[in-house]
Amino acid sequence: MQHRKDIEGLRAIAVIAVLLFHFDIPGFGGGYVGVDVFFVISGYLITSLLINEREANGRISIRDFYARRARRLLPISVAVLAVTALASAIWLQPTRLSALANDIMAAAAFSVNFVFAHRGTDYLQAAMEPSAIQHYWSLAVEEQFYMVWPGLIALVTLGGKRIRHKIAIAMGLIVIVSFALSATLTSATPSWAYFGLHTRAWELGLGALLAALAANTANLSPTIRATLGWLGVGGIIVSVLSFADVVAFPGTIAAVPVIATGPALIAGDQVANG
């Protein structure tokens, strides 16, 4: 794919929002939605690459896909875990080291979101201080999604005809089912809904759906694209500034920042195709 400066801009907005949220900067209590923006962007980018490979080569190399993911993620991920472990051994209370060791092993296996979900529903552990690697939950959700997605694309596009159409149908079904689970389970099992792949897959899936439909939006006029782009960015900013009091997330309310990210991606696609 051609480098997309607009996507770098969306990423910057998402990162800044999350940082301001974690630093407790007044007015940015909804900055946690930056993670949801990232999910949409990730689904869009990865699916675009897979579609391009399928159309260009007639196949998807799952081995090469995971090799690229490993080269991109493992060095920095392992380095952060190692530094965190060392710093924790020096500064953290000894009583917390055992739990952190379990978290680090789970993070290395991209399953730490399950640990956090269980901890949040366990009465004896729910009051624990946040893990030093709490932020790894979103990476775990992404990698679990991508354990399935390349193989699914390869499967649904067998025959090589109407590739984007088939992917769009498969992704549309995933979005519908996952969003329904998010809407239903956020109140019933809030911890599992927050950290679970089953209630977050629709966010990655929406990005993937936009990638499959990119050819259908290629002829939009510059004015429409610009309008969509600013509406999308505006929706993200409104979410960041107004979601501080949201008590049940993701649920249906997550649709605001997630859907807002879509128009911003569509608007920027003109730069890539123009």
Protein backbone atom coordinates (compact mmCIF):
# COMPACT_ATOMS: atom_id res chain seq x y z
CA MET A 1 0.00 0.00 0.00
CA GLN A 2 0.98 3.59 -0.61
CA HIS A 3 1.91 5.48 2.54
CA ARG A 4 -1.18 7.12 4.02
CA LYS A 5 -0.40 10.33 5.89
CA ASP A 6 -4.06 10.61 6.88
CA ILE A 7 -3.83 7.29 8.71
CA GLU A 8 -0.71 8.49 10.50
CA GLY A 9 -2.76 11.52 11.56
CA LEU A 10 -5.60 9.32 12.87
CA ARG A 11 -3.09 7.22 14.75
CA ALA A 12 -1.62 10.35 16.29
CA ILE A 13 -5.07 11.49 17.44
CA ALA A 14 -5.71 8.06 18.96
CA VAL A 15 -2.35 7.91 20.75
CA ILE A 16 -2.64 11.45 22.13
CA ALA A 17 -6.18 10.73 23.32
CA VAL A 18 -5.10 7.60 25.20
CA LEU A 19 -2.09 9.36 26.76
CA LEU A 20 -4.17 12.32 27.93
CA PHE A 21 -6.68 9.89 29.42
CA HIS A 22 -4.04 7.97 31.36
CA PHE A 23 -2.44 11.18 32.61
CA ASP A 24 -5.86 12.26 33.92
CA ILE A 25 -5.81 15.50 31.97
CA PRO A 26 -9.12 17.32 32.65
CA GLY A 27 -11.56 17.18 29.77
CA PHE A 28 -10.09 14.05 28.19
CA GLY A 29 -11.83 11.39 30.26
CA GLY A 30 -13.03 9.70 27.08
CA GLY A 31 -9.55 9.32 25.66
CA TYR A 32 -9.73 5.56 26.09
CA VAL A 33 -11.70 5.42 22.81
CA GLY A 34 -8.38 5.88 21.04
CA VAL A 35 -8.01 2.10 21.32
CA ASP A 36 -11.24 1.63 19.37
CA VAL A 37 -9.97 3.97 16.66
CA PHE A 38 -6.82 1.85 16.46
CA PHE A 39 -8.85 -1.32 16.04
CA VAL A 40 -10.65 0.10 13.01
CA ILE A 41 -7.43 1.37 11.45
CA SER A 42 -5.69 -1.97 12.02
CA GLY A 43 -8.54 -3.95 10.47
CA TYR A 44 -8.52 -1.64 7.45
CA LEU A 45 -4.76 -1.75 6.86
CA ILE A 46 -4.23 -5.47 7.35
CA THR A 47 -7.23 -6.42 5.23
CA SER A 48 -6.16 -4.04 2.47
CA LEU A 49 -2.77 -5.73 2.36
CA LEU A 50 -4.32 -9.19 2.27
CA ILE A 51 -6.76 -8.22 -0.49
CA ASN A 52 -3.97 -6.68 -2.57
CA GLU A 53 -1.90 -9.85 -2.16
CA ARG A 54 -4.84 -12.06 -3.12
CA GLU A 55 -5.63 -10.01 -6.22
CA ALA A 56 -2.01 -9.66 -7.32
CA ASN A 57 -0.74 -13.19 -6.65
CA GLY A 58 -3.92 -15.27 -6.74
CA ARG A 59 -3.20 -16.53 -3.24
CA ILE A 60 -2.43 -15.44 0.32
CA SER A 61 0.77 -16.68 1.94
CA ILE A 62 -0.24 -17.23 5.54
CA ARG A 63 3.37 -18.05 6.42
CA ASP A 64 4.57 -14.71 5.04
CA PHE A 65 1.73 -12.91 6.81
CA TYR A 66 2.73 -14.20 10.22
CA ALA A 67 6.41 -13.67 9.47
CA ARG A 68 5.67 -9.99 8.77
CA ARG A 69 3.63 -9.71 11.97
CA ALA A 70 6.45 -11.29 13.97
CA ARG A 71 9.09 -8.98 12.52
CA ARG A 72 6.91 -5.97 13.21
CA LEU A 73 5.72 -6.80 16.72
CA LEU A 74 8.01 -9.21 18.50
CA PRO A 75 11.20 -7.12 18.91
CA ILE A 76 9.54 -4.11 20.55
CA SER A 77 6.98 -6.24 22.40
CA VAL A 78 9.64 -8.46 23.96
CA ALA A 79 11.81 -5.45 24.78
CA VAL A 80 8.97 -3.70 26.62
CA LEU A 81 8.10 -6.84 28.57
CA ALA A 82 11.76 -7.35 29.55
CA VAL A 83 12.22 -3.76 30.70
CA THR A 84 8.91 -3.87 32.60
CA ALA A 85 9.93 -7.08 34.34
CA LEU A 86 13.29 -5.62 35.35
CA ALA A 87 11.80 -2.34 36.58
CA SER A 88 9.08 -4.19 38.49
CA ALA A 89 11.64 -6.41 40.23
CA ILE A 90 13.33 -3.23 41.47
CA TRP A 91 10.37 -1.01 42.38
CA LEU A 92 7.23 -3.12 42.67
CA GLN A 93 6.00 -4.61 45.92
CA PRO A 94 7.16 -8.24 46.25
CA THR A 95 3.57 -9.40 46.77
CA ARG A 96 2.67 -8.28 43.25
CA LEU A 97 5.55 -9.94 41.41
CA SER A 98 3.88 -13.34 41.10
CA ALA A 99 0.78 -11.89 39.43
CA LEU A 100 2.93 -9.76 37.14
CA ALA A 101 4.96 -12.80 36.09
CA ASN A 102 1.73 -14.53 35.07
CA ASP A 103 0.66 -11.40 33.17
CA ILE A 104 3.97 -11.25 31.30
CA MET A 105 3.74 -14.90 30.25
CA ALA A 106 0.16 -14.35 29.08
CA ALA A 107 1.18 -11.20 27.19
CA ALA A 108 3.95 -13.12 25.45
CA ALA A 109 1.31 -15.62 24.31
CA PHE A 110 -1.12 -12.83 23.27
CA SER A 111 -3.73 -14.03 25.74
CA VAL A 112 -3.40 -11.49 28.55
CA ASN A 113 -6.85 -10.05 27.80
CA PHE A 114 -8.34 -13.30 29.13
CA VAL A 115 -6.34 -12.89 32.34
CA PHE A 116 -7.60 -9.34 32.84
CA ALA A 117 -11.18 -10.32 32.03
CA HIS A 118 -11.10 -13.14 34.59
CA ARG A 119 -9.44 -10.92 37.18
CA GLY A 120 -12.15 -8.31 36.74
CA THR A 121 -14.89 -10.85 37.44
CA ASP A 122 -13.09 -12.55 40.35
CA TYR A 123 -14.26 -10.99 43.61
CA LEU A 124 -10.96 -11.74 45.34
CA GLN A 125 -8.85 -10.16 42.58
CA ALA A 126 -11.03 -7.35 41.26
CA ALA A 127 -9.61 -4.83 43.74
CA MET A 128 -5.99 -5.42 42.64
CA GLU A 129 -3.96 -2.53 41.27
CA PRO A 130 -3.84 -2.41 37.45
CA SER A 131 -1.16 -4.57 35.91
CA ALA A 132 2.05 -2.92 34.74
CA ILE A 133 1.29 -4.36 31.30
CA GLN A 134 -2.43 -3.59 31.26
CA HIS A 135 -2.04 -1.95 27.84
CA TYR A 136 -1.15 -5.31 26.24
CA TRP A 137 -4.79 -6.40 26.25
CA SER A 138 -5.56 -4.57 23.01
CA LEU A 139 -2.55 -6.13 21.26
CA ALA A 140 -3.78 -9.54 22.41
CA VAL A 141 -7.23 -8.88 20.91
CA GLU A 142 -5.68 -7.84 17.60
CA GLU A 143 -3.43 -10.87 17.37
CA GLN A 144 -6.28 -13.25 18.22
CA PHE A 145 -8.29 -11.69 15.40
CA TYR A 146 -5.40 -12.14 12.99
CA MET A 147 -4.94 -15.76 13.99
CA VAL A 148 -8.22 -16.36 12.17
CA TRP A 149 -8.58 -13.63 9.58
CA PRO A 150 -5.95 -14.50 6.90
CA GLY A 151 -7.12 -18.10 6.76
CA LEU A 152 -10.74 -16.96 6.58
CA ILE A 153 -9.99 -14.61 3.67
CA ALA A 154 -8.17 -17.39 1.86
CA LEU A 155 -11.13 -19.70 2.44
CA VAL A 156 -13.95 -17.38 1.40
CA THR A 157 -12.11 -16.25 -1.74
CA LEU A 158 -11.54 -19.73 -3.13
CA GLY A 159 -12.16 -19.66 -6.86
CA GLY A 160 -10.74 -16.17 -7.30
CA LYS A 161 -13.98 -14.50 -8.41
CA ARG A 162 -15.68 -11.51 -6.74
CA ILE A 163 -12.99 -11.47 -4.06
CA ARG A 164 -13.95 -8.18 -2.44
CA HIS A 165 -17.64 -9.05 -2.53
CA LYS A 166 -17.07 -12.34 -0.70
CA ILE A 167 -14.84 -10.70 1.90
CA ALA A 168 -17.39 -7.96 2.47
CA ILE A 169 -20.14 -10.51 3.12
CA ALA A 170 -17.98 -12.51 5.55
CA MET A 171 -16.89 -9.37 7.37
CA GLY A 172 -20.41 -7.96 7.45
CA LEU A 173 -21.63 -11.09 9.23
CA ILE A 174 -18.81 -10.88 11.77
CA VAL A 175 -19.56 -7.22 12.42
CA ILE A 176 -23.26 -7.90 12.99
CA VAL A 177 -22.72 -10.85 15.34
CA SER A 178 -19.91 -9.22 17.33
CA PHE A 179 -21.75 -5.91 17.71
CA ALA A 180 -24.83 -7.77 18.93
CA LEU A 181 -22.68 -9.53 21.53
CA SER A 182 -21.19 -6.21 22.59
CA ALA A 183 -24.62 -4.65 22.98
CA THR A 184 -25.93 -7.66 24.92
CA LEU A 185 -22.99 -8.60 27.14
CA THR A 186 -21.57 -5.24 28.18
CA SER A 187 -24.03 -4.95 31.04
CA ALA A 188 -24.16 -8.67 31.87
CA THR A 189 -20.42 -9.42 31.87
CA PRO A 190 -18.68 -6.02 31.66
CA SER A 191 -15.13 -7.24 32.20
CA TRP A 192 -15.34 -9.95 29.54
CA ALA A 193 -17.12 -7.55 27.19
CA TYR A 194 -14.39 -4.94 27.60
CA PHE A 195 -11.41 -7.27 27.14
CA GLY A 196 -12.93 -9.94 24.91
CA LEU A 197 -12.34 -10.58 21.24
CA HIS A 198 -15.97 -11.60 20.79
CA THR A 199 -17.19 -8.07 21.66
CA ARG A 200 -14.34 -6.20 19.95
CA ALA A 201 -14.07 -8.11 16.67
CA TRP A 202 -16.71 -5.88 15.06
CA GLU A 203 -14.40 -2.87 15.45
CA LEU A 204 -11.57 -4.57 13.58
CA GLY A 205 -14.20 -6.02 11.26
CA LEU A 206 -15.60 -2.63 10.32
CA GLY A 207 -12.13 -1.57 9.18
CA ALA A 208 -11.85 -4.79 7.20
CA LEU A 209 -15.26 -4.19 5.64
CA LEU A 210 -14.21 -0.70 4.55
CA ALA A 211 -11.09 -2.17 2.94
CA ALA A 212 -13.24 -4.63 0.99
CA LEU A 213 -15.56 -1.82 -0.15
CA ALA A 214 -12.79 0.65 -1.02
CA ALA A 215 -13.34 0.20 -4.77
CA ASN A 216 -16.97 1.26 -4.33
CA THR A 217 -15.99 4.57 -2.72
CA ALA A 218 -13.20 5.41 -5.18
CA ASN A 219 -15.41 7.69 -7.29
CA LEU A 220 -16.65 9.92 -4.49
CA SER A 221 -16.04 13.59 -5.20
CA PRO A 222 -13.31 15.48 -3.31
CA THR A 223 -16.00 17.60 -1.62
CA ILE A 224 -17.84 14.56 -0.31
CA ARG A 225 -14.60 12.98 0.84
CA ALA A 226 -13.50 16.11 2.66
CA THR A 227 -16.90 16.39 4.34
CA LEU A 228 -16.81 12.76 5.42
CA GLY A 229 -13.28 13.13 6.69
CA TRP A 230 -14.01 16.14 8.89
CA LEU A 231 -17.22 14.55 10.17
CA GLY A 232 -15.24 11.45 11.10
CA VAL A 233 -12.49 13.36 12.91
CA GLY A 234 -15.14 15.46 14.62
CA GLY A 235 -16.93 12.32 15.82
CA ILE A 236 -13.72 10.96 17.31
CA ILE A 237 -12.94 14.24 19.08
CA VAL A 238 -16.48 14.52 20.45
CA SER A 239 -16.16 10.99 21.83
CA VAL A 240 -12.86 11.80 23.51
CA LEU A 241 -14.28 14.93 25.10
CA SER A 242 -17.67 13.56 26.16
CA PHE A 243 -17.24 9.88 27.10
CA ALA A 244 -15.82 10.48 30.58
CA ASP A 245 -19.12 9.56 32.23
CA VAL A 246 -19.83 6.45 30.16
CA VAL A 247 -20.19 3.58 32.63
CA ALA A 248 -20.81 0.63 30.27
CA PHE A 249 -18.31 0.16 27.46
CA PRO A 250 -18.02 -0.96 24.71
CA GLY A 251 -21.74 -1.69 24.28
CA THR A 252 -23.65 0.24 21.65
CA ILE A 253 -22.03 3.55 22.61
CA ALA A 254 -18.72 2.37 21.13
CA ALA A 255 -20.35 2.72 17.72
CA VAL A 256 -19.78 6.50 17.90
CA PRO A 257 -15.94 6.55 17.73
CA VAL A 258 -15.79 3.34 15.70
CA ILE A 259 -18.17 4.49 12.98
CA ALA A 260 -16.60 7.97 13.02
CA THR A 261 -13.25 6.44 12.10
CA GLY A 262 -14.76 4.93 8.95
CA PRO A 263 -15.49 8.19 7.07
CA ALA A 264 -12.04 9.48 7.97
CA LEU A 265 -10.47 6.41 6.33
CA ILE A 266 -12.69 6.71 3.27
CA ALA A 267 -11.80 10.38 2.88
CA GLY A 268 -8.09 9.69 2.98
CA ASP A 269 -8.35 6.86 0.47
CA GLN A 270 -8.51 9.54 -2.22
CA VAL A 271 -4.90 10.41 -1.46
CA ALA A 272 -3.84 6.79 -1.89
CA ASN A 273 -5.77 6.32 -5.15
CA GLY A 274 -5.37 9.76 -6.62
